[in-house]
Amino acid sequence: KNTTAGIETGCVIRLKASEIISAAQSGQPPVRVI
């Protein structure tokens, strides 16, 4: 989580929070959003 990959992933998750929730609610993999 403290590597470049972990930090960038955490930032993208926060930036696309509503889209991730929408994907999860609609049965789509949230990872596709990011």
PDB file of all heavy atoms in Angstrom:
ATOM      1  N   LYS A   1       0.827  -1.216   0.000  1.00  0.00           N
ATOM      2  CA  LYS A   1       0.000   0.000   0.000  1.00  0.00           C
ATOM      3  C   LYS A   1       0.855   1.258   0.000  1.00  0.00           C
ATOM      4  O   LYS A   1       0.389   2.313  -0.418  1.00  0.00           O
ATOM      5  CB  LYS A   1      -0.945   0.023   1.205  1.00  0.00           C
ATOM      6  CG  LYS A   1      -2.081  -0.964   1.082  1.00  0.00           C
ATOM      7  CD  LYS A   1      -3.190  -0.741   2.088  1.00  0.00           C
ATOM      8  CE  LYS A   1      -2.746  -0.788   3.517  1.00  0.00           C
ATOM      9  NZ  LYS A   1      -3.869  -0.720   4.474  1.00  0.00           N
ATOM     10  N   ASN A   2       2.107   1.161   0.433  1.00  0.00           N
ATOM     11  CA  ASN A   2       3.001   2.317   0.471  1.00  0.00           C
ATOM     12  C   ASN A   2       3.908   2.417  -0.751  1.00  0.00           C
ATOM     13  O   ASN A   2       4.764   3.296  -0.807  1.00  0.00           O
ATOM     14  CB  ASN A   2       3.855   2.277   1.746  1.00  0.00           C
ATOM     15  CG  ASN A   2       2.996   2.445   2.975  1.00  0.00           C
ATOM     16  OD1 ASN A   2       2.157   3.325   3.042  1.00  0.00           O
ATOM     17  ND2 ASN A   2       3.179   1.572   3.944  1.00  0.00           N
ATOM     18  N   THR A   3       3.707   1.534  -1.724  1.00  0.00           N
ATOM     19  CA  THR A   3       4.464   1.610  -2.970  1.00  0.00           C
ATOM     20  C   THR A   3       3.741   2.557  -3.925  1.00  0.00           C
ATOM     21  O   THR A   3       2.599   2.966  -3.684  1.00  0.00           O
ATOM     22  CB  THR A   3       4.589   0.219  -3.634  1.00  0.00           C
ATOM     23  OG1 THR A   3       3.286  -0.212  -4.051  1.00  0.00           O
ATOM     24  CG2 THR A   3       5.225  -0.795  -2.694  1.00  0.00           C
ATOM     25  N   THR A   4       4.380   2.858  -5.027  1.00  0.00           N
ATOM     26  CA  THR A   4       3.743   3.697  -6.050  1.00  0.00           C
ATOM     27  C   THR A   4       2.418   3.081  -6.498  1.00  0.00           C
ATOM     28  O   THR A   4       1.413   3.789  -6.620  1.00  0.00           O
ATOM     29  CB  THR A   4       4.681   3.868  -7.258  1.00  0.00           C
ATOM     30  OG1 THR A   4       5.900   4.461  -6.808  1.00  0.00           O
ATOM     31  CG2 THR A   4       4.061   4.737  -8.328  1.00  0.00           C
ATOM     32  N   ALA A   5       2.417   1.769  -6.713  1.00  0.00           N
ATOM     33  CA  ALA A   5       1.188   1.094  -7.157  1.00  0.00           C
ATOM     34  C   ALA A   5       0.081   1.238  -6.124  1.00  0.00           C
ATOM     35  O   ALA A   5      -1.070   1.524  -6.464  1.00  0.00           O
ATOM     36  CB  ALA A   5       1.470  -0.383  -7.431  1.00  0.00           C
ATOM     37  N   GLY A   6       0.386   1.036  -4.857  1.00  0.00           N
ATOM     38  CA  GLY A   6      -0.612   1.138  -3.799  1.00  0.00           C
ATOM     39  C   GLY A   6      -1.127   2.556  -3.613  1.00  0.00           C
ATOM     40  O   GLY A   6      -2.331   2.776  -3.453  1.00  0.00           O
ATOM     41  N   ILE A   7      -0.233   3.510  -3.653  1.00  0.00           N
ATOM     42  CA  ILE A   7      -0.627   4.915  -3.478  1.00  0.00           C
ATOM     43  C   ILE A   7      -1.498   5.368  -4.648  1.00  0.00           C
ATOM     44  O   ILE A   7      -2.543   5.995  -4.452  1.00  0.00           O
ATOM     45  CB  ILE A   7       0.616   5.805  -3.311  1.00  0.00           C
ATOM     46  CG1 ILE A   7       1.304   5.474  -1.976  1.00  0.00           C
ATOM     47  CG2 ILE A   7       0.251   7.282  -3.396  1.00  0.00           C
ATOM     48  CD1 ILE A   7       2.704   6.050  -1.831  1.00  0.00           C
ATOM     49  N   GLU A   8      -1.071   5.043  -5.875  1.00  0.00           N
ATOM     50  CA  GLU A   8      -1.866   5.433  -7.044  1.00  0.00           C
ATOM     51  C   GLU A   8      -3.231   4.759  -7.038  1.00  0.00           C
ATOM     52  O   GLU A   8      -4.240   5.392  -7.350  1.00  0.00           O
ATOM     53  CB  GLU A   8      -1.115   5.103  -8.332  1.00  0.00           C
ATOM     54  CG  GLU A   8       0.058   6.023  -8.578  1.00  0.00           C
ATOM     55  CD  GLU A   8       0.840   5.690  -9.836  1.00  0.00           C
ATOM     56  OE1 GLU A   8       0.446   4.769 -10.587  1.00  0.00           O
ATOM     57  OE2 GLU A   8       1.865   6.351 -10.066  1.00  0.00           O
ATOM     58  N   THR A   9      -3.281   3.492  -6.664  1.00  0.00           N
ATOM     59  CA  THR A   9      -4.562   2.780  -6.603  1.00  0.00           C
ATOM     60  C   THR A   9      -5.472   3.427  -5.573  1.00  0.00           C
ATOM     61  O   THR A   9      -6.664   3.663  -5.846  1.00  0.00           O
ATOM     62  CB  THR A   9      -4.339   1.291  -6.271  1.00  0.00           C
ATOM     63  OG1 THR A   9      -3.525   0.707  -7.301  1.00  0.00           O
ATOM     64  CG2 THR A   9      -5.660   0.547  -6.177  1.00  0.00           C
ATOM     65  N   GLY A  10      -4.955   3.741  -4.398  1.00  0.00           N
ATOM     66  CA  GLY A  10      -5.755   4.391  -3.358  1.00  0.00           C
ATOM     67  C   GLY A  10      -6.302   5.729  -3.810  1.00  0.00           C
ATOM     68  O   GLY A  10      -7.468   6.059  -3.552  1.00  0.00           O
ATOM     69  N   CYS A  11      -5.481   6.505  -4.501  1.00  0.00           N
ATOM     70  CA  CYS A  11      -5.932   7.812  -4.997  1.00  0.00           C
ATOM     71  C   CYS A  11      -7.041   7.661  -6.027  1.00  0.00           C
ATOM     72  O   CYS A  11      -8.042   8.392  -5.978  1.00  0.00           O
ATOM     73  CB  CYS A  11      -4.753   8.573  -5.611  1.00  0.00           C
ATOM     74  SG  CYS A  11      -3.567   9.168  -4.416  1.00  0.00           S
ATOM     75  N   VAL A  12      -6.884   6.713  -6.947  1.00  0.00           N
ATOM     76  CA  VAL A  12      -7.898   6.509  -7.984  1.00  0.00           C
ATOM     77  C   VAL A  12      -9.198   6.001  -7.362  1.00  0.00           C
ATOM     78  O   VAL A  12     -10.286   6.418  -7.779  1.00  0.00           O
ATOM     79  CB  VAL A  12      -7.380   5.558  -9.086  1.00  0.00           C
ATOM     80  CG1 VAL A  12      -8.474   5.198 -10.067  1.00  0.00           C
ATOM     81  CG2 VAL A  12      -6.213   6.191  -9.818  1.00  0.00           C
ATOM     82  N   ILE A  13      -9.106   5.149  -6.364  1.00  0.00           N
ATOM     83  CA  ILE A  13     -10.318   4.662  -5.688  1.00  0.00           C
ATOM     84  C   ILE A  13     -11.069   5.836  -5.078  1.00  0.00           C
ATOM     85  O   ILE A  13     -12.297   5.946  -5.217  1.00  0.00           O
ATOM     86  CB  ILE A  13      -9.965   3.599  -4.615  1.00  0.00           C
ATOM     87  CG1 ILE A  13      -9.562   2.288  -5.294  1.00  0.00           C
ATOM     88  CG2 ILE A  13     -11.145   3.372  -3.666  1.00  0.00           C
ATOM     89  CD1 ILE A  13      -8.995   1.247  -4.340  1.00  0.00           C
ATOM     90  N   ARG A  14     -10.362   6.726  -4.429  1.00  0.00           N
ATOM     91  CA  ARG A  14     -11.032   7.894  -3.823  1.00  0.00           C
ATOM     92  C   ARG A  14     -11.599   8.832  -4.884  1.00  0.00           C
ATOM     93  O   ARG A  14     -12.699   9.367  -4.724  1.00  0.00           O
ATOM     94  CB  ARG A  14     -10.069   8.624  -2.891  1.00  0.00           C
ATOM     95  CG  ARG A  14      -9.832   7.871  -1.590  1.00  0.00           C
ATOM     96  CD  ARG A  14      -9.010   8.668  -0.590  1.00  0.00           C
ATOM     97  NE  ARG A  14      -7.630   8.894  -1.013  1.00  0.00           N
ATOM     98  CZ  ARG A  14      -6.643   7.997  -0.923  1.00  0.00           C
ATOM     99  NH1 ARG A  14      -6.897   6.791  -0.453  1.00  0.00           N
ATOM    100  NH2 ARG A  14      -5.428   8.301  -1.310  1.00  0.00           N
ATOM    101  N   LEU A  15     -10.875   9.034  -5.970  1.00  0.00           N
ATOM    102  CA  LEU A  15     -11.348   9.924  -7.031  1.00  0.00           C
ATOM    103  C   LEU A  15     -12.582   9.393  -7.750  1.00  0.00           C
ATOM    104  O   LEU A  15     -13.426  10.159  -8.195  1.00  0.00           O
ATOM    105  CB  LEU A  15     -10.240  10.166  -8.064  1.00  0.00           C
ATOM    106  CG  LEU A  15      -9.107  11.079  -7.624  1.00  0.00           C
ATOM    107  CD1 LEU A  15      -7.978  11.051  -8.647  1.00  0.00           C
ATOM    108  CD2 LEU A  15      -9.604  12.501  -7.427  1.00  0.00           C
ATOM    109  N   LYS A  16     -12.676   8.087  -7.868  1.00  0.00           N
ATOM    110  CA  LYS A  16     -13.786   7.481  -8.613  1.00  0.00           C
ATOM    111  C   LYS A  16     -14.745   6.743  -7.693  1.00  0.00           C
ATOM    112  O   LYS A  16     -15.377   5.771  -8.085  1.00  0.00           O
ATOM    113  CB  LYS A  16     -13.223   6.549  -9.680  1.00  0.00           C
ATOM    114  CG  LYS A  16     -12.400   7.306 -10.717  1.00  0.00           C
ATOM    115  CD  LYS A  16     -12.223   6.527 -11.961  1.00  0.00           C
ATOM    116  CE  LYS A  16     -11.636   7.432 -13.037  1.00  0.00           C
ATOM    117  NZ  LYS A  16     -11.522   6.736 -14.301  1.00  0.00           N
ATOM    118  N   ALA A  17     -14.871   7.215  -6.491  1.00  0.00           N
ATOM    119  CA  ALA A  17     -15.682   6.556  -5.457  1.00  0.00           C
ATOM    120  C   ALA A  17     -17.110   6.283  -5.904  1.00  0.00           C
ATOM    121  O   ALA A  17     -17.604   5.160  -5.777  1.00  0.00           O
ATOM    122  CB  ALA A  17     -15.676   7.389  -4.183  1.00  0.00           C
ATOM    123  N   SER A  18     -17.783   7.282  -6.440  1.00  0.00           N
ATOM    124  CA  SER A  18     -19.191   7.083  -6.802  1.00  0.00           C
ATOM    125  C   SER A  18     -19.333   6.091  -7.947  1.00  0.00           C
ATOM    126  O   SER A  18     -20.269   5.288  -7.970  1.00  0.00           O
ATOM    127  CB  SER A  18     -19.862   8.415  -7.141  1.00  0.00           C
ATOM    128  OG  SER A  18     -19.232   9.016  -8.242  1.00  0.00           O
ATOM    129  N   GLU A  19     -18.399   6.113  -8.893  1.00  0.00           N
ATOM    130  CA  GLU A  19     -18.465   5.155 -10.007  1.00  0.00           C
ATOM    131  C   GLU A  19     -18.193   3.727  -9.534  1.00  0.00           C
ATOM    132  O   GLU A  19     -18.786   2.777 -10.044  1.00  0.00           O
ATOM    133  CB  GLU A  19     -17.458   5.537 -11.094  1.00  0.00           C
ATOM    134  CG  GLU A  19     -17.808   6.845 -11.781  1.00  0.00           C
ATOM    135  CD  GLU A  19     -16.582   7.718 -11.976  1.00  0.00           C
ATOM    136  OE1 GLU A  19     -16.140   8.313 -10.984  1.00  0.00           O
ATOM    137  OE2 GLU A  19     -16.096   7.788 -13.115  1.00  0.00           O
ATOM    138  N   ILE A  20     -17.298   3.585  -8.555  1.00  0.00           N
ATOM    139  CA  ILE A  20     -17.000   2.260  -8.000  1.00  0.00           C
ATOM    140  C   ILE A  20     -18.229   1.711  -7.292  1.00  0.00           C
ATOM    141  O   ILE A  20     -18.592   0.541  -7.472  1.00  0.00           O
ATOM    142  CB  ILE A  20     -15.781   2.333  -7.054  1.00  0.00           C
ATOM    143  CG1 ILE A  20     -14.513   2.588  -7.880  1.00  0.00           C
ATOM    144  CG2 ILE A  20     -15.649   1.068  -6.215  1.00  0.00           C
ATOM    145  CD1 ILE A  20     -13.287   2.891  -7.056  1.00  0.00           C
ATOM    146  N   ILE A  21     -18.893   2.532  -6.522  1.00  0.00           N
ATOM    147  CA  ILE A  21     -20.112   2.103  -5.824  1.00  0.00           C
ATOM    148  C   ILE A  21     -21.191   1.738  -6.834  1.00  0.00           C
ATOM    149  O   ILE A  21     -21.857   0.714  -6.701  1.00  0.00           O
ATOM    150  CB  ILE A  21     -20.596   3.178  -4.837  1.00  0.00           C
ATOM    151  CG1 ILE A  21     -19.621   3.264  -3.662  1.00  0.00           C
ATOM    152  CG2 ILE A  21     -22.002   2.873  -4.337  1.00  0.00           C
ATOM    153  CD1 ILE A  21     -19.871   4.406  -2.710  1.00  0.00           C
ATOM    154  N   SER A  22     -21.357   2.547  -7.861  1.00  0.00           N
ATOM    155  CA  SER A  22     -22.357   2.249  -8.894  1.00  0.00           C
ATOM    156  C   SER A  22     -22.073   0.918  -9.579  1.00  0.00           C
ATOM    157  O   SER A  22     -22.988   0.133  -9.833  1.00  0.00           O
ATOM    158  CB  SER A  22     -22.395   3.359  -9.943  1.00  0.00           C
ATOM    159  OG  SER A  22     -22.881   4.539  -9.387  1.00  0.00           O
ATOM    160  N   ALA A  23     -20.798   0.664  -9.881  1.00  0.00           N
ATOM    161  CA  ALA A  23     -20.429  -0.606 -10.515  1.00  0.00           C
ATOM    162  C   ALA A  23     -20.749  -1.777  -9.586  1.00  0.00           C
ATOM    163  O   ALA A  23     -21.328  -2.774 -10.020  1.00  0.00           O
ATOM    164  CB  ALA A  23     -18.948  -0.604 -10.883  1.00  0.00           C
ATOM    165  N   ALA A  24     -20.398  -1.643  -8.324  1.00  0.00           N
ATOM    166  CA  ALA A  24     -20.671  -2.714  -7.359  1.00  0.00           C
ATOM    167  C   ALA A  24     -22.174  -2.955  -7.236  1.00  0.00           C
ATOM    168  O   ALA A  24     -22.623  -4.103  -7.199  1.00  0.00           O
ATOM    169  CB  ALA A  24     -20.064  -2.378  -6.005  1.00  0.00           C
ATOM    170  N   GLN A  25     -22.953  -1.894  -7.203  1.00  0.00           N
ATOM    171  CA  GLN A  25     -24.410  -2.028  -7.077  1.00  0.00           C
ATOM    172  C   GLN A  25     -25.036  -2.660  -8.311  1.00  0.00           C
ATOM    173  O   GLN A  25     -26.055  -3.345  -8.211  1.00  0.00           O
ATOM    174  CB  GLN A  25     -25.044  -0.660  -6.818  1.00  0.00           C
ATOM    175  CG  GLN A  25     -24.760  -0.123  -5.447  1.00  0.00           C
ATOM    176  CD  GLN A  25     -25.236   1.307  -5.272  1.00  0.00           C
ATOM    177  OE1 GLN A  25     -25.292   2.091  -6.223  1.00  0.00           O
ATOM    178  NE2 GLN A  25     -25.565   1.660  -4.039  1.00  0.00           N
ATOM    179  N   SER A  26     -24.435  -2.445  -9.467  1.00  0.00           N
ATOM    180  CA  SER A  26     -25.014  -2.967 -10.706  1.00  0.00           C
ATOM    181  C   SER A  26     -24.464  -4.342 -11.090  1.00  0.00           C
ATOM    182  O   SER A  26     -24.805  -4.870 -12.151  1.00  0.00           O
ATOM    183  CB  SER A  26     -24.787  -1.984 -11.851  1.00  0.00           C
ATOM    184  OG  SER A  26     -23.413  -1.906 -12.167  1.00  0.00           O
ATOM    185  N   GLY A  27     -23.609  -4.918 -10.249  1.00  0.00           N
ATOM    186  CA  GLY A  27     -23.093  -6.250 -10.524  1.00  0.00           C
ATOM    187  C   GLY A  27     -21.912  -6.288 -11.473  1.00  0.00           C
ATOM    188  O   GLY A  27     -21.570  -7.341 -12.008  1.00  0.00           O
ATOM    189  N   GLN A  28     -21.278  -5.136 -11.694  1.00  0.00           N
ATOM    190  CA  GLN A  28     -20.084  -5.063 -12.531  1.00  0.00           C
ATOM    191  C   GLN A  28     -18.848  -5.037 -11.629  1.00  0.00           C
ATOM    192  O   GLN A  28     -18.911  -4.522 -10.521  1.00  0.00           O
ATOM    193  CB  GLN A  28     -20.106  -3.796 -13.393  1.00  0.00           C
ATOM    194  CG  GLN A  28     -21.246  -3.745 -14.367  1.00  0.00           C
ATOM    195  CD  GLN A  28     -21.134  -4.856 -15.392  1.00  0.00           C
ATOM    196  OE1 GLN A  28     -20.085  -5.090 -15.967  1.00  0.00           O
ATOM    197  NE2 GLN A  28     -22.238  -5.561 -15.610  1.00  0.00           N
ATOM    198  N   PRO A  29     -17.706  -5.545 -12.098  1.00  0.00           N
ATOM    199  CA  PRO A  29     -16.497  -5.496 -11.278  1.00  0.00           C
ATOM    200  C   PRO A  29     -16.021  -4.046 -11.099  1.00  0.00           C
ATOM    201  O   PRO A  29     -15.729  -3.375 -12.089  1.00  0.00           O
ATOM    202  CB  PRO A  29     -15.462  -6.293 -12.068  1.00  0.00           C
ATOM    203  CG  PRO A  29     -16.224  -7.047 -13.093  1.00  0.00           C
ATOM    204  CD  PRO A  29     -17.491  -6.286 -13.334  1.00  0.00           C
ATOM    205  N   PRO A  30     -15.946  -3.548  -9.876  1.00  0.00           N
ATOM    206  CA  PRO A  30     -15.485  -2.173  -9.659  1.00  0.00           C
ATOM    207  C   PRO A  30     -14.082  -1.908 -10.194  1.00  0.00           C
ATOM    208  O   PRO A  30     -13.772  -0.786 -10.576  1.00  0.00           O
ATOM    209  CB  PRO A  30     -15.523  -2.021  -8.139  1.00  0.00           C
ATOM    210  CG  PRO A  30     -16.557  -2.988  -7.693  1.00  0.00           C
ATOM    211  CD  PRO A  30     -16.421  -4.150  -8.636  1.00  0.00           C
ATOM    212  N   VAL A  31     -13.257  -2.934 -10.276  1.00  0.00           N
ATOM    213  CA  VAL A  31     -11.897  -2.722 -10.780  1.00  0.00           C
ATOM    214  C   VAL A  31     -11.917  -2.233 -12.226  1.00  0.00           C
ATOM    215  O   VAL A  31     -11.006  -1.522 -12.656  1.00  0.00           O
ATOM    216  CB  VAL A  31     -11.025  -3.994 -10.615  1.00  0.00           C
ATOM    217  CG1 VAL A  31     -11.460  -5.087 -11.566  1.00  0.00           C
ATOM    218  CG2 VAL A  31      -9.557  -3.669 -10.786  1.00  0.00           C
ATOM    219  N   ARG A  32     -12.972  -2.560 -12.962  1.00  0.00           N
ATOM    220  CA  ARG A  32     -13.078  -2.058 -14.353  1.00  0.00           C
ATOM    221  C   ARG A  32     -13.135  -0.547 -14.400  1.00  0.00           C
ATOM    222  O   ARG A  32     -12.657   0.070 -15.353  1.00  0.00           O
ATOM    223  CB  ARG A  32     -14.320  -2.629 -15.043  1.00  0.00           C
ATOM    224  CG  ARG A  32     -14.165  -4.063 -15.445  1.00  0.00           C
ATOM    225  CD  ARG A  32     -15.323  -4.525 -16.250  1.00  0.00           C
ATOM    226  NE  ARG A  32     -15.181  -4.039 -17.632  1.00  0.00           N
ATOM    227  CZ  ARG A  32     -15.937  -4.446 -18.625  1.00  0.00           C
ATOM    228  NH1 ARG A  32     -16.885  -5.333 -18.415  1.00  0.00           N
ATOM    229  NH2 ARG A  32     -15.757  -3.978 -19.831  1.00  0.00           N
ATOM    230  N   VAL A  33     -13.717   0.057 -13.380  1.00  0.00           N
ATOM    231  CA  VAL A  33     -13.841   1.519 -13.325  1.00  0.00           C
ATOM    232  C   VAL A  33     -12.462   2.180 -13.268  1.00  0.00           C
ATOM    233  O   VAL A  33     -12.254   3.233 -13.852  1.00  0.00           O
ATOM    234  CB  VAL A  33     -14.681   1.949 -12.092  1.00  0.00           C
ATOM    235  CG1 VAL A  33     -14.661   3.445 -11.884  1.00  0.00           C
ATOM    236  CG2 VAL A  33     -16.103   1.433 -12.222  1.00  0.00           C
ATOM    237  N   ILE A  34     -11.524   1.537 -12.575  1.00  0.00           N
ATOM    238  CA  ILE A  34     -10.207   2.150 -12.393  1.00  0.00           C
ATOM    239  C   ILE A  34      -9.112   1.489 -13.231  1.00  0.00           C
ATOM    240  O   ILE A  34      -7.977   1.956 -13.219  1.00  0.00           O
ATOM    241  CB  ILE A  34      -9.797   2.152 -10.901  1.00  0.00           C
ATOM    242  CG1 ILE A  34      -9.655   0.732 -10.357  1.00  0.00           C
ATOM    243  CG2 ILE A  34     -10.803   2.952 -10.074  1.00  0.00           C
ATOM    244  CD1 ILE A  34      -9.064   0.662  -8.963  1.00  0.00           C
TER     245      ILE A  34
END
